[in-house]
Protein backbone atom coordinates (compact mmCIF):
# COMPACT_ATOMS: atom_id res chain seq x y z
CA MET A 1 -10.78 -10.22 -17.53
CA THR A 2 -11.82 -8.56 -14.27
CA LYS A 3 -9.16 -6.53 -12.49
CA GLN A 4 -8.56 -7.68 -8.91
CA TYR A 5 -7.14 -5.21 -6.42
CA LYS A 6 -4.19 -6.59 -4.46
CA GLU A 7 -2.49 -5.42 -1.30
CA LEU A 8 1.28 -5.56 -1.58
CA VAL A 9 1.46 -8.85 0.39
CA HIS A 10 -1.15 -10.72 -1.66
CA LYS A 11 -0.43 -13.63 -4.03
CA PHE A 12 -1.84 -13.75 -7.55
CA THR A 13 -2.16 -16.27 -10.37
CA ASP A 14 -1.65 -15.99 -14.12
CA THR A 15 -5.42 -16.11 -14.67
CA GLU A 16 -5.93 -12.90 -12.72
CA ASN A 17 -5.47 -9.33 -13.88
CA PRO A 18 -4.22 -7.79 -10.63
CA VAL A 19 -3.92 -4.09 -9.90
CA TRP A 20 -2.06 -2.36 -7.09
CA LYS A 21 -2.14 1.17 -5.70
CA CYS A 22 0.32 3.38 -7.58
CA PRO A 23 3.06 4.83 -5.31
CA ALA A 24 3.10 8.08 -7.31
CA CYS A 25 -0.57 9.04 -7.75
CA GLY A 26 -2.18 6.77 -5.15
CA MET A 27 -4.76 5.35 -7.55
CA PRO A 28 -5.43 1.59 -7.83
CA THR A 29 -4.24 1.63 -11.44
CA LEU A 30 -0.88 -0.16 -11.30
CA THR A 31 -0.97 -3.21 -13.57
CA ILE A 32 1.40 -5.78 -15.02
CA VAL A 33 3.17 -4.96 -18.29
CA ARG A 34 2.58 -8.42 -19.76
CA PRO A 35 5.47 -8.46 -22.29
CA SER A 36 7.88 -7.88 -19.40
CA PHE A 37 6.59 -10.78 -17.27
CA PHE A 38 9.15 -13.56 -16.86
CA GLU A 39 9.05 -16.69 -14.69
CA MET A 40 11.40 -19.64 -14.23
CA ASP A 41 11.43 -22.72 -12.00
CA ASN A 42 14.47 -23.12 -9.79
CA ALA A 43 17.20 -25.69 -10.51
CA GLU A 44 15.72 -28.43 -8.35
CA SER A 45 12.29 -28.08 -9.95
CA ARG A 46 13.75 -28.11 -13.46
CA LYS A 47 15.47 -31.43 -12.66
CA TRP A 48 12.11 -32.95 -11.68
CA ILE A 49 10.47 -31.66 -14.86
CA ALA A 50 13.32 -32.99 -17.03
CA GLN A 51 13.19 -36.43 -15.41
CA ASP A 52 9.46 -36.98 -15.54
CA GLY A 53 6.94 -34.98 -17.53
CA SER A 54 4.15 -36.28 -15.30
CA PHE A 55 5.53 -34.65 -12.16
CA HIS A 56 3.27 -33.77 -9.24
CA PRO A 57 3.16 -29.99 -8.53
CA TYR A 58 4.04 -30.59 -4.90
CA ASP A 59 7.30 -32.25 -6.00
CA LEU A 60 8.50 -28.87 -7.26
CA SER A 61 10.15 -26.50 -4.83
CA GLY A 62 9.38 -23.22 -6.54
CA GLY A 63 11.10 -20.56 -8.59
CA SER A 64 11.19 -16.82 -9.30
CA PHE A 65 9.44 -14.20 -11.39
CA SER A 66 10.03 -10.60 -12.40
CA THR A 67 7.94 -8.01 -14.18
CA LEU A 68 7.38 -4.32 -14.72
CA LEU A 69 4.20 -2.65 -13.52
CA GLN A 70 2.85 0.59 -14.97
CA CYS A 71 0.20 3.00 -13.78
CA ARG A 72 -2.66 3.23 -16.27
CA ALA A 73 -3.72 6.71 -15.15
CA PRO A 74 -3.09 9.00 -18.17
CA HIS A 75 -1.64 11.77 -16.00
CA CYS A 76 0.80 9.46 -14.20
CA LYS A 77 2.25 6.42 -16.05
CA GLU A 78 4.61 5.59 -13.16
CA VAL A 79 6.72 2.43 -13.64
CA VAL A 80 7.50 -0.04 -10.83
CA ALA A 81 9.75 -3.11 -10.91
CA CYS A 82 8.36 -6.18 -9.15
CA SER A 83 9.96 -9.53 -8.36
CA GLY A 84 9.17 -12.49 -6.18
CA LYS A 85 8.77 -16.23 -5.85
CA ILE A 86 6.52 -18.81 -7.47
CA ASP A 87 4.83 -21.84 -5.93
CA ARG A 88 2.90 -24.58 -7.65
CA ASP A 89 -0.43 -25.69 -6.24
CA ILE A 90 -3.49 -27.76 -7.16
CA ASP A 91 -7.06 -26.45 -7.35
CA TYR A 92 -8.97 -29.69 -6.98
CA ARG A 93 -11.90 -30.24 -9.36
CA ALA A 94 -11.80 -26.63 -10.57
CA GLY A 95 -11.30 -27.40 -14.25
CA GLU A 96 -13.66 -28.53 -16.94
CA ASN A 97 -15.25 -31.93 -16.27
CA ASP A 98 -14.20 -31.64 -12.61
CA GLU A 99 -10.54 -32.03 -13.49
CA ASP A 100 -7.87 -30.87 -11.08
CA LEU A 101 -6.01 -27.74 -12.18
CA ASN A 102 -2.30 -27.13 -11.69
CA ILE A 103 -1.87 -23.53 -10.56
CA ILE A 104 1.18 -21.29 -10.26
CA ARG A 105 0.90 -18.70 -7.49
CA PHE A 106 3.10 -15.61 -7.64
CA THR A 107 4.14 -13.96 -4.38
CA PRO A 108 5.72 -10.49 -4.73
CA THR A 109 8.66 -9.97 -2.39
CA HIS A 110 9.99 -6.65 -3.69
CA PHE A 111 8.69 -3.51 -5.39
CA THR A 112 10.93 -0.66 -6.62
CA PRO A 113 9.95 2.04 -5.83
CA PRO A 114 8.07 0.65 -2.81
CA LEU A 115 4.28 0.66 -2.89
CA ARG A 116 2.48 2.82 -0.34
CA PRO A 117 -0.42 0.95 1.29
CA ILE A 118 -1.52 4.11 3.13
CA HIS A 119 -1.70 7.82 2.39
CA ILE A 120 1.13 9.89 3.88
CA PRO A 121 0.41 13.63 4.24
CA GLU A 122 2.85 15.91 2.46
CA GLU A 123 3.61 17.70 5.74
CA CYS A 124 4.83 14.50 7.43
CA GLU A 125 8.32 15.00 8.86
CA GLY A 126 11.17 13.08 7.27
CA VAL A 127 12.13 11.42 10.56
CA ILE A 128 8.75 9.63 10.50
CA LEU A 129 8.61 9.14 6.75
CA GLU A 130 11.99 7.42 6.32
CA PRO A 131 11.45 4.36 8.57
CA LEU A 132 7.87 4.12 7.31
CA LEU A 133 8.99 3.89 3.67
CA ASP A 134 11.67 1.38 4.64
CA SER A 135 8.95 -0.70 6.27
CA PHE A 136 6.90 -0.61 3.06
CA THR A 137 9.98 -1.82 1.18
CA VAL A 138 10.55 -4.98 3.22
CA VAL A 139 7.01 -6.02 4.21
CA PRO A 140 6.40 -8.26 1.15
CA GLY A 141 9.57 -10.24 1.89
CA CYS A 142 9.98 -10.02 5.67
CA ALA A 143 7.01 -8.97 7.79
CA SER A 144 9.06 -9.16 11.01
CA ALA A 145 11.52 -6.54 9.76
CA ALA A 146 8.65 -4.38 8.52
CA ALA A 147 6.99 -4.51 11.96
CA ASN A 148 10.26 -3.47 13.61
CA LEU A 149 10.66 -0.51 11.24
CA LEU A 150 7.07 0.54 11.92
CA ARG A 151 7.92 0.50 15.63
CA ILE A 152 10.85 2.84 14.91
CA ALA A 153 8.40 5.15 13.11
CA VAL A 154 6.34 5.22 16.33
CA GLU A 155 9.43 6.32 18.27
CA LYS A 156 10.07 9.12 15.78
CA MET A 157 6.42 10.15 15.94
CA LEU A 158 6.71 10.56 19.72
CA ASP A 159 9.76 12.77 19.14
CA VAL A 160 7.68 14.98 16.84
CA LEU A 161 4.88 15.02 19.43
CA ASN A 162 7.45 16.28 21.97
CA VAL A 163 7.06 13.30 24.29
CA LYS A 164 10.19 13.35 26.41
CA ALA A 165 12.87 10.69 26.06
CA MET A 166 12.53 7.95 28.65
CA ARG A 167 13.94 4.53 29.45
CA ASN A 168 11.92 2.73 26.79
CA LEU A 169 9.13 3.16 24.24
CA HIS A 170 6.52 1.65 26.54
CA ASP A 171 7.07 4.34 29.17
CA ARG A 172 6.87 7.11 26.56
CA ILE A 173 3.51 5.83 25.33
CA ILE A 174 2.24 5.65 28.92
CA CYS A 175 3.33 9.26 29.31
CA LEU A 176 1.36 10.22 26.17
CA LYS A 177 -1.68 8.42 27.58
CA LYS A 178 -2.10 11.14 30.21
CA THR A 179 -3.01 13.72 27.56
CA GLU A 180 -4.03 11.66 24.50
CA PRO A 181 -5.34 8.26 25.67
CA GLU A 182 -6.79 7.13 22.33
CA LYS A 183 -3.61 7.93 20.42
CA ALA A 184 -1.55 6.17 23.09
CA GLU A 185 -3.69 3.03 22.87
CA LEU A 186 -3.27 2.91 19.09
CA LEU A 187 0.49 3.36 19.30
CA MET A 188 0.78 0.73 22.02
CA SER A 189 -0.73 -1.89 19.70
CA ILE A 190 1.92 -1.08 17.08
CA LYS A 191 4.61 -1.29 19.74
CA HIS A 192 3.48 -4.83 20.65
CA LEU A 193 3.56 -5.77 16.96
CA GLY A 194 7.04 -4.29 16.55
CA ASN A 195 8.36 -6.04 19.66
CA THR A 196 7.25 -9.39 18.28
CA GLY A 197 8.91 -8.59 14.95
CA SER A 198 12.15 -7.74 16.75
CA HIS A 199 12.35 -10.75 19.06
CA GLU A 200 10.40 -13.59 17.42
CA TYR A 201 11.39 -14.15 13.81
CA GLY A 202 8.62 -15.46 11.56
CA LYS A 203 5.83 -14.83 14.08
CA VAL A 204 4.39 -11.70 12.43
CA ASP A 205 1.60 -12.03 9.86
CA PRO A 206 2.07 -9.60 6.93
CA CYS A 207 -1.64 -8.76 7.05
CA ASP A 208 -1.21 -7.66 10.67
CA VAL A 209 1.53 -5.27 9.54
CA LEU A 210 -0.95 -3.80 7.04
CA ASP A 211 -3.37 -3.30 9.94
CA GLY A 212 -0.56 -1.53 11.78
CA TYR A 213 -0.08 0.78 8.79
CA HIS A 214 -3.76 1.73 8.77
CA ILE A 215 -3.65 2.46 12.51
CA PHE A 216 -0.58 4.62 11.91
CA GLU A 217 -2.37 6.37 9.04
CA LYS A 218 -5.21 7.40 11.36
CA ILE A 219 -2.75 9.12 13.68
CA LEU A 220 -1.01 10.82 10.77
CA LYS A 221 -4.37 12.23 9.67
CA GLN A 222 -4.86 13.66 13.17
CA MET A 223 -1.39 15.17 13.22
CA TYR A 224 -1.51 16.57 9.68
CA PRO A 225 -5.14 17.33 8.80
CA GLU A 226 -5.59 17.92 5.10
CA GLN A 227 -8.42 20.06 3.81
CA GLU A 228 -10.56 18.19 1.33
CA VAL A 229 -11.41 20.11 -1.82
CA ASP A 230 -15.18 20.06 -2.39
CA LEU A 231 -15.79 20.01 -6.13
CA SER A 232 -19.47 19.06 -5.91
CA MET A 233 -20.81 22.55 -6.80
CA GLN A 234 -18.34 22.93 -9.67
CA LYS A 235 -19.33 19.52 -11.05
CA SER A 236 -23.01 20.29 -10.53
CA GLN A 237 -22.76 23.48 -12.55
CA SER A 238 -20.87 21.63 -15.29
CA LEU A 239 -23.58 18.93 -15.51
CA THR A 240 -26.35 21.52 -15.58
CA ALA A 241 -24.62 23.45 -18.35
CA LYS A 242 -24.12 20.28 -20.37
CA TYR A 243 -27.42 18.46 -19.82
CA GLY A 244 -29.85 21.04 -18.43
CA PRO A 245 -32.44 23.04 -20.37
CA LYS A 246 -30.91 25.45 -22.85
CA PRO A 247 -31.77 29.17 -22.54
């Protein structure tokens, strides 16, 4: 079965073999520990099933699931607990002989420890890191809260950048624009996202929060440049020694 990479807000089905990015090593090698996977319909759905075995999937109101995930990287083996909700759906004419298929979709709402959709440099100050990690924790279950926490991370970033305290976040970003216009424009977009999350419940798309994370990641890379280790020559010499002409 082909592994399908999933962002932390994506649904999956029991016919998939999803993988997520490991919060410890950062590799897309976090997979479901199948013996630990457990699902159950909620009380209302179980009543429907008990009353009529020929129930329609849309008559059922859902349920819950839980599972352990484990990193398959030999040097890591991190374990993550995952839980969420289930919904029943129909994939019309997707089965054999054009039959309709009843499908259960699993939506993760919580990961412990939280997954990290972006890379955070080791040098990142704790005042930025803490609200960012809290945002990662809640984004699968409440995108509005995650957007608000990301906005708080922007405020803390401006503190680290020594942008003076002002009446509101908007004015501080305008102040930054005088010296770093591109960075200010990027942060302003996150501010708008965070404002919507704070004042209009349910209006924030989780995928837009992921976009906000990637914008934030770009600024983190500028603030904390990390030197990439070039191993190409070392690998080249190893390949030549192994496969090249022998002396």
